[in-house]
Amino acid sequence: MACYVVTRHLPGITPDSLTSAGLRAKSCAAEMTDEGTPVKWLRSFFIPKTEQTHCYFDAPSVDAVKEVNERANIPFAEIYEVQELAPEAM
């Protein structure tokens, strides 16, 4: 599986709405995995100043990431495949 980042612009989003979106992403990813398309929501970062969120997923394709976000009814701007760099892997 590859790692993908989903970028979003969420003006005026509340902390409760962010939590709700995360719960929907988690449950829709589990649903898709149960259906045979493995998708895992890894984490998200919200940048309050710019009202942007970057959400990271492991998935077999960009289409699977798009589908999990559509099922969860979470708007997004773009989806990109990314390469992870972490200090412990260096």
N, C-alpha and C. Protein backbone atom coordinates (compact mmCIF):
# COMPACT_ATOMS: atom_id res chain seq x y z
N MET A 1 0.84 -1.18 0.00
CA MET A 1 0.00 0.00 0.00
C MET A 1 0.88 1.24 0.00
N ALA A 2 0.33 2.29 -0.49
CA ALA A 2 1.02 3.58 -0.54
C ALA A 2 0.42 4.52 0.50
N CYS A 3 1.12 5.60 0.77
CA CYS A 3 0.64 6.62 1.69
C CYS A 3 0.20 7.83 0.87
N TYR A 4 -0.93 8.41 1.27
CA TYR A 4 -1.51 9.56 0.57
C TYR A 4 -1.84 10.66 1.57
N VAL A 5 -1.76 11.91 1.11
CA VAL A 5 -2.21 13.05 1.90
C VAL A 5 -3.42 13.66 1.20
N VAL A 6 -4.42 13.98 1.99
CA VAL A 6 -5.62 14.65 1.51
C VAL A 6 -5.58 16.06 2.07
N THR A 7 -5.62 17.05 1.19
CA THR A 7 -5.61 18.44 1.65
C THR A 7 -7.04 18.97 1.62
N ARG A 8 -7.34 19.77 2.64
CA ARG A 8 -8.69 20.34 2.77
C ARG A 8 -8.59 21.80 3.22
N HIS A 9 -9.54 22.60 2.81
CA HIS A 9 -9.71 23.95 3.34
C HIS A 9 -11.07 23.96 4.01
N LEU A 10 -11.09 24.16 5.32
CA LEU A 10 -12.32 24.02 6.10
C LEU A 10 -12.60 25.29 6.89
N PRO A 11 -12.99 26.37 6.20
CA PRO A 11 -13.23 27.63 6.91
C PRO A 11 -14.36 27.50 7.93
N GLY A 12 -14.10 28.01 9.12
CA GLY A 12 -15.12 28.03 10.17
C GLY A 12 -15.39 26.70 10.84
N ILE A 13 -14.58 25.68 10.60
CA ILE A 13 -14.84 24.38 11.21
C ILE A 13 -14.62 24.44 12.71
N THR A 14 -15.46 23.76 13.43
CA THR A 14 -15.38 23.72 14.90
C THR A 14 -14.61 22.47 15.34
N PRO A 15 -14.11 22.48 16.56
CA PRO A 15 -13.45 21.28 17.08
C PRO A 15 -14.38 20.05 17.06
N ASP A 16 -15.66 20.25 17.38
CA ASP A 16 -16.60 19.13 17.35
C ASP A 16 -16.78 18.59 15.94
N SER A 17 -16.81 19.48 14.95
CA SER A 17 -16.94 19.04 13.55
C SER A 17 -15.70 18.28 13.09
N LEU A 18 -14.53 18.72 13.54
CA LEU A 18 -13.30 18.00 13.21
C LEU A 18 -13.32 16.59 13.80
N THR A 19 -13.75 16.49 15.04
CA THR A 19 -13.84 15.17 15.69
C THR A 19 -14.82 14.28 14.96
N SER A 20 -15.96 14.83 14.60
CA SER A 20 -16.98 14.06 13.88
C SER A 20 -16.45 13.57 12.54
N ALA A 21 -15.73 14.42 11.82
CA ALA A 21 -15.17 14.03 10.54
C ALA A 21 -14.16 12.90 10.73
N GLY A 22 -13.34 12.99 11.76
CA GLY A 22 -12.37 11.93 12.04
C GLY A 22 -13.04 10.60 12.33
N LEU A 23 -14.11 10.64 13.10
CA LEU A 23 -14.85 9.41 13.41
C LEU A 23 -15.45 8.80 12.15
N ARG A 24 -15.97 9.65 11.26
CA ARG A 24 -16.53 9.16 10.00
C ARG A 24 -15.45 8.56 9.11
N ALA A 25 -14.30 9.22 9.04
CA ALA A 25 -13.18 8.69 8.24
C ALA A 25 -12.75 7.33 8.77
N LYS A 26 -12.65 7.22 10.07
CA LYS A 26 -12.23 5.96 10.69
C LYS A 26 -13.22 4.84 10.41
N SER A 27 -14.51 5.12 10.57
CA SER A 27 -15.51 4.07 10.36
C SER A 27 -15.65 3.71 8.88
N CYS A 28 -15.56 4.68 7.99
CA CYS A 28 -15.65 4.38 6.55
C CYS A 28 -14.44 3.60 6.07
N ALA A 29 -13.26 3.90 6.62
CA ALA A 29 -12.07 3.13 6.26
C ALA A 29 -12.21 1.68 6.72
N ALA A 30 -12.74 1.48 7.92
CA ALA A 30 -12.95 0.12 8.42
C ALA A 30 -13.98 -0.62 7.55
N GLU A 31 -15.01 0.09 7.15
CA GLU A 31 -16.05 -0.48 6.29
C GLU A 31 -15.45 -0.93 4.95
N MET A 32 -14.65 -0.06 4.34
CA MET A 32 -14.04 -0.42 3.07
C MET A 32 -13.08 -1.58 3.22
N THR A 33 -12.33 -1.62 4.32
CA THR A 33 -11.42 -2.72 4.58
C THR A 33 -12.19 -4.03 4.71
N ASP A 34 -13.32 -4.00 5.41
CA ASP A 34 -14.17 -5.19 5.55
C ASP A 34 -14.71 -5.65 4.20
N GLU A 35 -14.88 -4.70 3.28
CA GLU A 35 -15.38 -5.02 1.94
C GLU A 35 -14.28 -5.48 1.00
N GLY A 36 -13.03 -5.46 1.46
CA GLY A 36 -11.93 -5.97 0.64
C GLY A 36 -10.98 -4.93 0.07
N THR A 37 -11.22 -3.63 0.36
CA THR A 37 -10.31 -2.58 -0.07
C THR A 37 -9.66 -2.01 1.19
N PRO A 38 -8.41 -2.41 1.48
CA PRO A 38 -7.78 -1.97 2.72
C PRO A 38 -7.44 -0.48 2.69
N VAL A 39 -8.06 0.27 3.58
CA VAL A 39 -7.80 1.70 3.74
C VAL A 39 -7.63 1.97 5.23
N LYS A 40 -6.62 2.75 5.56
CA LYS A 40 -6.40 3.09 6.97
C LYS A 40 -6.12 4.58 7.10
N TRP A 41 -6.94 5.25 7.93
CA TRP A 41 -6.68 6.65 8.25
C TRP A 41 -5.56 6.64 9.29
N LEU A 42 -4.47 7.31 8.99
CA LEU A 42 -3.31 7.31 9.87
C LEU A 42 -3.34 8.43 10.89
N ARG A 43 -3.54 9.66 10.40
CA ARG A 43 -3.57 10.84 11.28
C ARG A 43 -3.93 12.05 10.45
N SER A 44 -4.27 13.11 11.16
CA SER A 44 -4.55 14.38 10.50
C SER A 44 -3.92 15.50 11.30
N PHE A 45 -3.60 16.57 10.59
CA PHE A 45 -3.08 17.79 11.21
C PHE A 45 -3.95 18.95 10.75
N PHE A 46 -4.44 19.74 11.70
CA PHE A 46 -5.24 20.92 11.40
C PHE A 46 -4.38 22.15 11.66
N ILE A 47 -4.38 23.07 10.70
CA ILE A 47 -3.62 24.31 10.82
C ILE A 47 -4.63 25.43 11.02
N PRO A 48 -4.88 25.85 12.27
CA PRO A 48 -5.94 26.84 12.54
C PRO A 48 -5.78 28.15 11.75
N LYS A 49 -4.55 28.64 11.64
CA LYS A 49 -4.33 29.93 10.99
C LYS A 49 -4.81 29.93 9.53
N THR A 50 -4.60 28.81 8.83
CA THR A 50 -4.98 28.74 7.42
C THR A 50 -6.29 27.97 7.19
N GLU A 51 -6.82 27.40 8.27
CA GLU A 51 -8.05 26.59 8.22
C GLU A 51 -7.89 25.41 7.26
N GLN A 52 -6.69 24.86 7.23
CA GLN A 52 -6.40 23.71 6.38
C GLN A 52 -6.17 22.47 7.22
N THR A 53 -6.51 21.34 6.64
CA THR A 53 -6.25 20.06 7.26
C THR A 53 -5.51 19.19 6.27
N HIS A 54 -4.52 18.46 6.77
CA HIS A 54 -3.79 17.47 5.99
C HIS A 54 -4.05 16.13 6.66
N CYS A 55 -4.66 15.22 5.92
CA CYS A 55 -5.04 13.91 6.46
C CYS A 55 -4.29 12.83 5.70
N TYR A 56 -3.70 11.90 6.43
CA TYR A 56 -2.86 10.87 5.85
C TYR A 56 -3.55 9.51 5.91
N PHE A 57 -3.49 8.79 4.79
CA PHE A 57 -4.11 7.48 4.66
C PHE A 57 -3.13 6.50 4.03
N ASP A 58 -3.21 5.23 4.44
CA ASP A 58 -2.59 4.13 3.71
C ASP A 58 -3.70 3.51 2.89
N ALA A 59 -3.43 3.28 1.61
CA ALA A 59 -4.45 2.73 0.72
C ALA A 59 -3.79 2.16 -0.52
N PRO A 60 -4.50 1.31 -1.26
CA PRO A 60 -3.93 0.74 -2.47
C PRO A 60 -3.92 1.70 -3.66
N SER A 61 -4.73 2.77 -3.59
CA SER A 61 -4.80 3.69 -4.73
C SER A 61 -5.40 5.03 -4.31
N VAL A 62 -5.18 6.03 -5.15
CA VAL A 62 -5.79 7.34 -4.93
C VAL A 62 -7.32 7.23 -4.99
N ASP A 63 -7.82 6.33 -5.84
CA ASP A 63 -9.27 6.15 -5.94
C ASP A 63 -9.87 5.64 -4.63
N ALA A 64 -9.16 4.77 -3.93
CA ALA A 64 -9.65 4.26 -2.65
C ALA A 64 -9.69 5.39 -1.61
N VAL A 65 -8.70 6.26 -1.63
CA VAL A 65 -8.67 7.40 -0.71
C VAL A 65 -9.82 8.36 -1.04
N LYS A 66 -10.03 8.60 -2.31
CA LYS A 66 -11.14 9.45 -2.73
C LYS A 66 -12.47 8.87 -2.26
N GLU A 67 -12.64 7.57 -2.44
CA GLU A 67 -13.88 6.92 -2.04
C GLU A 67 -14.13 7.00 -0.54
N VAL A 68 -13.11 6.77 0.27
CA VAL A 68 -13.32 6.82 1.72
C VAL A 68 -13.73 8.22 2.16
N ASN A 69 -13.16 9.25 1.55
CA ASN A 69 -13.54 10.62 1.90
C ASN A 69 -14.95 10.97 1.41
N GLU A 70 -15.31 10.46 0.24
CA GLU A 70 -16.67 10.69 -0.25
C GLU A 70 -17.69 9.97 0.61
N ARG A 71 -17.40 8.73 1.00
CA ARG A 71 -18.31 7.99 1.89
C ARG A 71 -18.48 8.71 3.22
N ALA A 72 -17.39 9.26 3.73
CA ALA A 72 -17.42 9.95 5.02
C ALA A 72 -18.01 11.36 4.90
N ASN A 73 -18.26 11.79 3.67
CA ASN A 73 -18.84 13.11 3.41
C ASN A 73 -17.94 14.23 3.96
N ILE A 74 -16.64 14.09 3.68
CA ILE A 74 -15.66 15.09 4.10
C ILE A 74 -15.11 15.75 2.83
N PRO A 75 -15.30 17.05 2.68
CA PRO A 75 -14.81 17.72 1.46
C PRO A 75 -13.28 17.72 1.42
N PHE A 76 -12.74 17.71 0.21
CA PHE A 76 -11.30 17.75 0.06
C PHE A 76 -10.94 18.53 -1.19
N ALA A 77 -9.72 19.06 -1.19
CA ALA A 77 -9.23 19.82 -2.34
C ALA A 77 -8.43 18.91 -3.28
N GLU A 78 -7.43 18.21 -2.72
CA GLU A 78 -6.54 17.39 -3.54
C GLU A 78 -6.08 16.18 -2.75
N ILE A 79 -5.64 15.18 -3.50
CA ILE A 79 -5.07 13.97 -2.92
C ILE A 79 -3.75 13.70 -3.64
N TYR A 80 -2.69 13.50 -2.85
CA TYR A 80 -1.37 13.23 -3.42
C TYR A 80 -0.76 12.00 -2.77
N GLU A 81 -0.03 11.21 -3.54
CA GLU A 81 0.78 10.16 -2.96
C GLU A 81 2.01 10.82 -2.34
N VAL A 82 2.41 10.36 -1.16
CA VAL A 82 3.54 10.95 -0.46
C VAL A 82 4.55 9.87 -0.06
N GLN A 83 5.75 10.31 0.24
CA GLN A 83 6.77 9.45 0.80
C GLN A 83 7.04 9.92 2.22
N GLU A 84 6.99 9.00 3.16
CA GLU A 84 7.20 9.36 4.56
C GLU A 84 8.68 9.41 4.88
N LEU A 85 9.07 10.45 5.61
CA LEU A 85 10.42 10.57 6.14
C LEU A 85 10.28 10.74 7.66
N ALA A 86 10.94 9.89 8.40
CA ALA A 86 10.86 9.96 9.85
C ALA A 86 12.26 9.81 10.44
N PRO A 87 12.55 10.53 11.52
CA PRO A 87 13.89 10.46 12.13
C PRO A 87 14.32 9.04 12.48
N GLU A 88 13.38 8.24 12.99
CA GLU A 88 13.73 6.89 13.41
C GLU A 88 14.06 5.97 12.23
N ALA A 89 13.68 6.37 11.01
CA ALA A 89 13.97 5.56 9.84
C ALA A 89 15.29 5.97 9.18
N MET A 90 15.93 6.99 9.70
CA MET A 90 17.17 7.50 9.09
C MET A 90 18.37 6.82 9.70
